[in-house]
């Protein structure tokens, strides 16, 4: 079940953003990097990159909170597990 939740998370986060710059493109061109915290960070800050980071991290936080509540664990623990999976996929 845990793996299914993680696979779902990865699929959600791999989806393109409403912004002109999507997460996959931003990763490929080095504009953003995954962190061990389960969130992304701007490696090449700009208005567009910063907006993408804020959007993705906000959505991740909401999903981490939902899963943590469902599983009776901490948001940080869910984020850490998701981070491991996201970092493996890079």
N, C-alpha and C. Protein backbone atom coordinates (compact mmCIF):
# COMPACT_ATOMS: atom_id res chain seq x y z
N UNK A 1 0.83 -1.20 0.00
CA UNK A 1 0.00 0.00 0.00
C UNK A 1 0.87 1.25 0.00
N UNK A 2 1.94 1.20 0.79
CA UNK A 2 2.84 2.35 0.87
C UNK A 2 3.44 2.67 -0.49
N UNK A 3 3.83 1.63 -1.20
CA UNK A 3 4.40 1.83 -2.53
C UNK A 3 3.38 2.45 -3.47
N UNK A 4 2.15 2.01 -3.39
CA UNK A 4 1.08 2.55 -4.23
C UNK A 4 0.89 4.04 -3.96
N UNK A 5 0.93 4.42 -2.69
CA UNK A 5 0.80 5.84 -2.33
C UNK A 5 1.97 6.62 -2.91
N UNK A 6 3.18 6.08 -2.81
CA UNK A 6 4.35 6.77 -3.32
C UNK A 6 4.33 6.88 -4.84
N UNK A 7 3.90 5.84 -5.50
CA UNK A 7 3.81 5.89 -6.96
C UNK A 7 2.79 6.95 -7.36
N UNK A 8 1.69 7.02 -6.64
CA UNK A 8 0.68 8.05 -6.91
C UNK A 8 1.25 9.44 -6.73
N UNK A 9 2.03 9.62 -5.68
CA UNK A 9 2.67 10.92 -5.42
C UNK A 9 3.59 11.31 -6.57
N UNK A 10 4.41 10.38 -6.99
CA UNK A 10 5.35 10.67 -8.07
C UNK A 10 4.60 11.05 -9.34
N UNK A 11 3.53 10.36 -9.63
CA UNK A 11 2.74 10.68 -10.82
C UNK A 11 2.13 12.07 -10.71
N UNK A 12 1.63 12.41 -9.54
CA UNK A 12 1.04 13.74 -9.35
C UNK A 12 2.11 14.80 -9.55
N UNK A 13 3.28 14.59 -9.02
CA UNK A 13 4.33 15.60 -9.09
C UNK A 13 5.00 15.68 -10.45
N UNK A 14 4.88 14.64 -11.22
CA UNK A 14 5.46 14.66 -12.56
C UNK A 14 4.55 15.35 -13.56
N UNK A 15 3.31 15.55 -13.18
CA UNK A 15 2.36 16.22 -14.08
C UNK A 15 2.82 17.65 -14.35
N UNK A 16 2.49 18.15 -15.49
CA UNK A 16 2.91 19.50 -15.84
C UNK A 16 2.15 20.54 -15.06
N UNK A 17 2.77 21.66 -14.89
CA UNK A 17 2.19 22.78 -14.15
C UNK A 17 1.41 23.67 -15.11
N UNK A 18 0.60 24.53 -14.55
CA UNK A 18 -0.14 25.50 -15.36
C UNK A 18 0.79 26.61 -15.85
N UNK A 19 1.96 26.67 -15.30
CA UNK A 19 2.92 27.70 -15.70
C UNK A 19 3.57 27.30 -17.02
N UNK A 20 4.13 28.28 -17.71
CA UNK A 20 4.80 28.02 -18.98
C UNK A 20 5.96 27.05 -18.77
N UNK A 21 6.65 27.18 -17.64
CA UNK A 21 7.74 26.27 -17.30
C UNK A 21 7.14 25.15 -16.46
N UNK A 22 7.30 23.91 -16.91
CA UNK A 22 6.77 22.79 -16.12
C UNK A 22 7.89 22.16 -15.31
N UNK A 23 7.51 21.34 -14.36
CA UNK A 23 8.47 20.75 -13.44
C UNK A 23 9.51 19.91 -14.15
N UNK A 24 9.08 19.09 -15.09
CA UNK A 24 10.05 18.24 -15.80
C UNK A 24 11.08 19.08 -16.55
N UNK A 25 10.63 20.11 -17.23
CA UNK A 25 11.56 20.98 -17.95
C UNK A 25 12.49 21.70 -16.99
N UNK A 26 11.93 22.16 -15.90
CA UNK A 26 12.74 22.88 -14.90
C UNK A 26 13.80 21.97 -14.31
N UNK A 27 13.46 20.72 -14.09
CA UNK A 27 14.46 19.76 -13.59
C UNK A 27 15.55 19.54 -14.64
N UNK A 28 15.11 19.30 -15.89
CA UNK A 28 16.07 19.01 -16.96
C UNK A 28 17.06 20.14 -17.19
N UNK A 29 16.57 21.38 -17.14
CA UNK A 29 17.48 22.49 -17.42
C UNK A 29 18.18 23.01 -16.17
N UNK A 30 17.97 22.33 -15.04
CA UNK A 30 18.69 22.68 -13.82
C UNK A 30 18.14 23.89 -13.09
N UNK A 31 16.94 24.32 -13.45
CA UNK A 31 16.34 25.48 -12.79
C UNK A 31 15.87 25.15 -11.38
N UNK A 32 15.48 23.89 -11.16
CA UNK A 32 15.06 23.44 -9.83
C UNK A 32 15.76 22.14 -9.48
N UNK A 33 15.87 21.89 -8.19
CA UNK A 33 16.46 20.64 -7.71
C UNK A 33 15.58 20.07 -6.61
N UNK A 34 15.54 18.75 -6.56
CA UNK A 34 14.83 18.07 -5.48
C UNK A 34 15.70 18.13 -4.23
N UNK A 35 15.04 18.25 -3.10
CA UNK A 35 15.75 18.28 -1.82
C UNK A 35 15.36 17.05 -1.00
N UNK A 36 16.16 16.71 0.01
CA UNK A 36 15.87 15.56 0.87
C UNK A 36 14.66 15.81 1.75
N UNK A 37 14.13 17.00 1.74
CA UNK A 37 12.96 17.36 2.53
C UNK A 37 11.66 16.99 1.84
N UNK A 38 11.73 16.61 0.56
CA UNK A 38 10.53 16.28 -0.19
C UNK A 38 9.98 17.45 -0.99
N UNK A 39 10.70 18.54 -0.99
CA UNK A 39 10.28 19.75 -1.71
C UNK A 39 11.36 20.12 -2.72
N UNK A 40 11.01 20.99 -3.66
CA UNK A 40 12.00 21.46 -4.63
C UNK A 40 12.52 22.83 -4.22
N UNK A 41 13.65 23.17 -4.80
CA UNK A 41 14.30 24.45 -4.52
C UNK A 41 14.73 25.05 -5.86
N UNK A 42 14.63 26.36 -5.96
CA UNK A 42 15.09 27.05 -7.17
C UNK A 42 16.62 27.06 -7.19
N UNK A 43 17.20 26.50 -8.24
CA UNK A 43 18.64 26.54 -8.42
C UNK A 43 19.03 27.74 -9.29
N UNK A 44 18.08 28.19 -10.11
CA UNK A 44 18.26 29.35 -10.98
C UNK A 44 17.04 30.25 -10.78
N UNK A 45 17.02 31.00 -9.68
CA UNK A 45 15.83 31.80 -9.36
C UNK A 45 15.47 32.80 -10.46
N UNK A 46 14.19 32.91 -10.69
CA UNK A 46 13.59 33.91 -11.57
C UNK A 46 12.13 33.96 -11.16
N UNK A 47 11.39 34.91 -11.66
CA UNK A 47 9.99 35.01 -11.30
C UNK A 47 9.24 33.73 -11.69
N UNK A 48 9.52 33.22 -12.88
CA UNK A 48 8.84 32.02 -13.37
C UNK A 48 9.23 30.79 -12.54
N UNK A 49 10.51 30.63 -12.27
CA UNK A 49 10.98 29.48 -11.48
C UNK A 49 10.45 29.57 -10.05
N UNK A 50 10.51 30.75 -9.46
CA UNK A 50 10.01 30.93 -8.09
C UNK A 50 8.52 30.62 -8.00
N UNK A 51 7.76 31.00 -9.00
CA UNK A 51 6.32 30.70 -9.02
C UNK A 51 6.09 29.19 -9.13
N UNK A 52 6.87 28.54 -9.97
CA UNK A 52 6.76 27.09 -10.13
C UNK A 52 7.09 26.40 -8.81
N UNK A 53 8.17 26.81 -8.16
CA UNK A 53 8.58 26.22 -6.88
C UNK A 53 7.47 26.39 -5.85
N UNK A 54 6.92 27.58 -5.75
CA UNK A 54 5.85 27.83 -4.78
C UNK A 54 4.63 26.95 -5.06
N UNK A 55 4.26 26.83 -6.33
CA UNK A 55 3.10 26.03 -6.71
C UNK A 55 3.33 24.55 -6.41
N UNK A 56 4.44 24.01 -6.84
CA UNK A 56 4.73 22.59 -6.64
C UNK A 56 4.84 22.28 -5.14
N UNK A 57 5.57 23.10 -4.41
CA UNK A 57 5.74 22.84 -2.99
C UNK A 57 4.44 22.95 -2.22
N UNK A 58 3.58 23.86 -2.62
CA UNK A 58 2.28 24.01 -1.98
C UNK A 58 1.43 22.75 -2.20
N UNK A 59 1.43 22.25 -3.41
CA UNK A 59 0.68 21.05 -3.74
C UNK A 59 1.26 19.83 -3.03
N UNK A 60 2.58 19.75 -2.97
CA UNK A 60 3.21 18.64 -2.26
C UNK A 60 2.84 18.68 -0.78
N UNK A 61 2.93 19.84 -0.18
CA UNK A 61 2.61 19.95 1.24
C UNK A 61 1.18 19.50 1.52
N UNK A 62 0.25 19.92 0.70
CA UNK A 62 -1.15 19.52 0.87
C UNK A 62 -1.29 18.00 0.76
N UNK A 63 -0.61 17.40 -0.20
CA UNK A 63 -0.69 15.95 -0.37
C UNK A 63 0.00 15.23 0.78
N UNK A 64 1.15 15.72 1.22
CA UNK A 64 1.84 15.12 2.37
C UNK A 64 0.95 15.18 3.61
N UNK A 65 0.28 16.31 3.81
CA UNK A 65 -0.62 16.46 4.97
C UNK A 65 -1.78 15.47 4.89
N UNK A 66 -2.34 15.32 3.70
CA UNK A 66 -3.45 14.39 3.51
C UNK A 66 -3.02 12.96 3.83
N UNK A 67 -1.88 12.56 3.30
CA UNK A 67 -1.38 11.20 3.52
C UNK A 67 -1.02 10.99 4.98
N UNK A 68 -0.38 11.97 5.60
CA UNK A 68 0.00 11.86 7.00
C UNK A 68 -1.23 11.66 7.89
N UNK A 69 -2.26 12.41 7.61
CA UNK A 69 -3.50 12.29 8.39
C UNK A 69 -4.12 10.91 8.18
N UNK A 70 -4.15 10.47 6.92
CA UNK A 70 -4.72 9.17 6.58
C UNK A 70 -3.95 8.02 7.25
N UNK A 71 -2.63 8.15 7.30
CA UNK A 71 -1.78 7.07 7.81
C UNK A 71 -1.45 7.23 9.29
N UNK A 72 -1.82 8.36 9.90
CA UNK A 72 -1.52 8.58 11.31
C UNK A 72 -0.04 8.77 11.58
N UNK A 73 0.61 9.50 10.70
CA UNK A 73 2.05 9.75 10.84
C UNK A 73 2.30 11.24 10.65
N UNK A 74 3.55 11.63 10.70
CA UNK A 74 3.88 13.05 10.56
C UNK A 74 4.05 13.45 9.09
N UNK A 75 3.80 14.71 8.84
CA UNK A 75 4.01 15.27 7.50
C UNK A 75 5.47 15.11 7.11
N UNK A 76 6.36 15.34 8.05
CA UNK A 76 7.80 15.24 7.77
C UNK A 76 8.19 13.83 7.36
N UNK A 77 7.59 12.83 8.01
CA UNK A 77 7.90 11.45 7.66
C UNK A 77 7.41 11.12 6.25
N UNK A 78 6.22 11.55 5.91
CA UNK A 78 5.68 11.33 4.56
C UNK A 78 6.57 12.04 3.54
N UNK A 79 6.96 13.27 3.83
CA UNK A 79 7.81 14.04 2.92
C UNK A 79 9.16 13.36 2.73
N UNK A 80 9.72 12.82 3.80
CA UNK A 80 11.02 12.15 3.71
C UNK A 80 10.95 10.91 2.83
N UNK A 81 9.88 10.14 2.96
CA UNK A 81 9.72 8.94 2.13
C UNK A 81 9.52 9.35 0.67
N UNK A 82 8.71 10.36 0.45
CA UNK A 82 8.49 10.84 -0.92
C UNK A 82 9.80 11.35 -1.52
N UNK A 83 10.59 12.05 -0.71
CA UNK A 83 11.87 12.59 -1.19
C UNK A 83 12.78 11.46 -1.66
N UNK A 84 12.84 10.37 -0.90
CA UNK A 84 13.68 9.24 -1.30
C UNK A 84 13.27 8.71 -2.67
N UNK A 85 11.98 8.58 -2.87
CA UNK A 85 11.49 8.07 -4.15
C UNK A 85 11.74 9.07 -5.29
N UNK A 86 11.51 10.34 -5.03
CA UNK A 86 11.73 11.36 -6.06
C UNK A 86 13.21 11.46 -6.43
N UNK A 87 14.09 11.36 -5.44
CA UNK A 87 15.52 11.45 -5.71
C UNK A 87 16.02 10.24 -6.49
N UNK A 88 15.42 9.08 -6.26
CA UNK A 88 15.80 7.87 -7.01
C UNK A 88 15.49 8.04 -8.49
N UNK A 89 14.45 8.77 -8.81
CA UNK A 89 13.99 8.91 -10.19
C UNK A 89 14.78 9.94 -10.99
N UNK A 90 15.69 10.62 -10.36
CA UNK A 90 16.43 11.67 -11.07
C UNK A 90 17.50 11.09 -11.95
